């Protein structure tokens, strides 16, 4: 049986991994020219503040 503390840690870790995946996808869009550097950096900063 898992404690609620370990469950919270697992949920938090998933959130971090999910956030990093989104940043990676945004970087690909930037590299393709779909996002400017400024747009990418703004969104990346927003996402990193959530973790």
C-alpha atoms as a PDB file:
ATOM      1  CA  UNK A   1       0.000   0.000   0.000  1.00  0.00           C
ATOM      2  CA  UNK A   2       1.357   3.410  -0.983  1.00  0.00           C
ATOM      3  CA  UNK A   3       1.272   6.337   1.366  1.00  0.00           C
ATOM      4  CA  UNK A   4      -0.331   9.567   0.206  1.00  0.00           C
ATOM      5  CA  UNK A   5       3.100  11.214   0.409  1.00  0.00           C
ATOM      6  CA  UNK A   6       4.679   8.858  -2.143  1.00  0.00           C
ATOM      7  CA  UNK A   7       1.628   9.244  -4.388  1.00  0.00           C
ATOM      8  CA  UNK A   8       2.058  13.030  -4.289  1.00  0.00           C
ATOM      9  CA  UNK A   9       5.739  12.673  -5.182  1.00  0.00           C
ATOM     10  CA  UNK A  10       4.879  10.419  -8.143  1.00  0.00           C
ATOM     11  CA  UNK A  11       2.224  12.861  -9.372  1.00  0.00           C
ATOM     12  CA  UNK A  12       4.677  15.735  -9.043  1.00  0.00           C
ATOM     13  CA  UNK A  13       7.367  13.856 -10.979  1.00  0.00           C
ATOM     14  CA  UNK A  14       4.928  13.070 -13.786  1.00  0.00           C
ATOM     15  CA  UNK A  15       4.067  16.745 -13.965  1.00  0.00           C
ATOM     16  CA  UNK A  16       7.753  17.643 -14.328  1.00  0.00           C
ATOM     17  CA  UNK A  17       8.274  15.057 -17.071  1.00  0.00           C
ATOM     18  CA  UNK A  18       5.151  16.185 -18.883  1.00  0.00           C
ATOM     19  CA  UNK A  19       6.272  19.812 -18.687  1.00  0.00           C
ATOM     20  CA  UNK A  20       9.704  18.948 -20.073  1.00  0.00           C
ATOM     21  CA  UNK A  21       8.062  17.048 -22.948  1.00  0.00           C
ATOM     22  CA  UNK A  22       5.976  20.103 -23.803  1.00  0.00           C
ATOM     23  CA  UNK A  23       9.078  22.323 -23.771  1.00  0.00           C
ATOM     24  CA  UNK A  24      10.816  19.877 -26.094  1.00  0.00           C
ATOM     25  CA  UNK A  25       7.877  19.988 -28.517  1.00  0.00           C
ATOM     26  CA  UNK A  26       7.847  23.782 -28.384  1.00  0.00           C
ATOM     27  CA  UNK A  27      11.569  23.791 -29.197  1.00  0.00           C
ATOM     28  CA  UNK A  28      10.860  21.655 -32.263  1.00  0.00           C
ATOM     29  CA  UNK A  29       8.199  24.134 -33.376  1.00  0.00           C
ATOM     30  CA  UNK A  30      10.685  26.968 -32.878  1.00  0.00           C
ATOM     31  CA  UNK A  31      13.302  25.112 -34.918  1.00  0.00           C
ATOM     32  CA  UNK A  32      10.754  24.624 -37.716  1.00  0.00           C
ATOM     33  CA  UNK A  33       9.984  28.344 -37.706  1.00  0.00           C
ATOM     34  CA  UNK A  34       6.455  27.985 -36.346  1.00  0.00           C
ATOM     35  CA  UNK A  35       7.402  29.939 -33.188  1.00  0.00           C
ATOM     36  CA  UNK A  36       9.751  32.869 -32.759  1.00  0.00           C
ATOM     37  CA  UNK A  37      12.511  32.726 -30.154  1.00  0.00           C
ATOM     38  CA  UNK A  38      10.559  35.263 -28.075  1.00  0.00           C
ATOM     39  CA  UNK A  39       7.371  33.156 -28.200  1.00  0.00           C
ATOM     40  CA  UNK A  40       9.295  30.023 -27.253  1.00  0.00           C
ATOM     41  CA  UNK A  41      11.130  31.699 -24.366  1.00  0.00           C
ATOM     42  CA  UNK A  42       7.926  33.222 -22.997  1.00  0.00           C
ATOM     43  CA  UNK A  43       6.080  29.901 -23.006  1.00  0.00           C
ATOM     44  CA  UNK A  44       9.087  28.039 -21.621  1.00  0.00           C
ATOM     45  CA  UNK A  45       9.328  30.474 -18.705  1.00  0.00           C
ATOM     46  CA  UNK A  46       5.605  30.050 -17.993  1.00  0.00           C
ATOM     47  CA  UNK A  47       5.911  26.270 -17.994  1.00  0.00           C
ATOM     48  CA  UNK A  48       9.023  26.183 -15.807  1.00  0.00           C
ATOM     49  CA  UNK A  49       7.314  28.311 -13.166  1.00  0.00           C
ATOM     50  CA  UNK A  50       4.700  25.560 -12.767  1.00  0.00           C
ATOM     51  CA  UNK A  51       7.188  22.935 -11.629  1.00  0.00           C
END
